[in-house]
Amino acid sequence: MNRAKMISAVRTELRRSGEGYIREKTAVRWIDRFLDDLLIDESGQIRPWQRDYFLRKVRYRNGIYGRDLLEAEEAIELLFKKAGLPELGCESNFDFDDIEMIDEGQKTDHEKSELKF
């Protein structure tokens, strides 16, 4: 499945489930970011480890936390589901239990230095 078909399948699923326009645009932006970051053009190129890598990169290098990080995870999970790939589950190593709603001022110096990559 090529990139356009993957995004179209995600949009169709979101519309069927009654999600709003903003939710759809947010999911598509996260999926585009995932596919661009990992240079993915077809569903056959996606591997489960890439999901974990991308989510960690978003969190630690870009400093995205809380609700935004959960939106990214949900969008990528939906992409995996619609593209016929393994869904986020027991094979994933990403731990969402430690996600906290914090702002830029509460980050440690170590976390701030990692954002400069």
Foldseek 3Di string as FASTA:
>chain_A
DFPVVLLVLLLVVCVVVPHDPVLSVLLSVLVVVLCVVVVHTAPVPDDPVSLLVVLVCCCQQQPDFDPSSVSSLVSVQSSCVSNVHDGPDDVHPDDPPPTDDDDPVPDDPVSVVSNVD
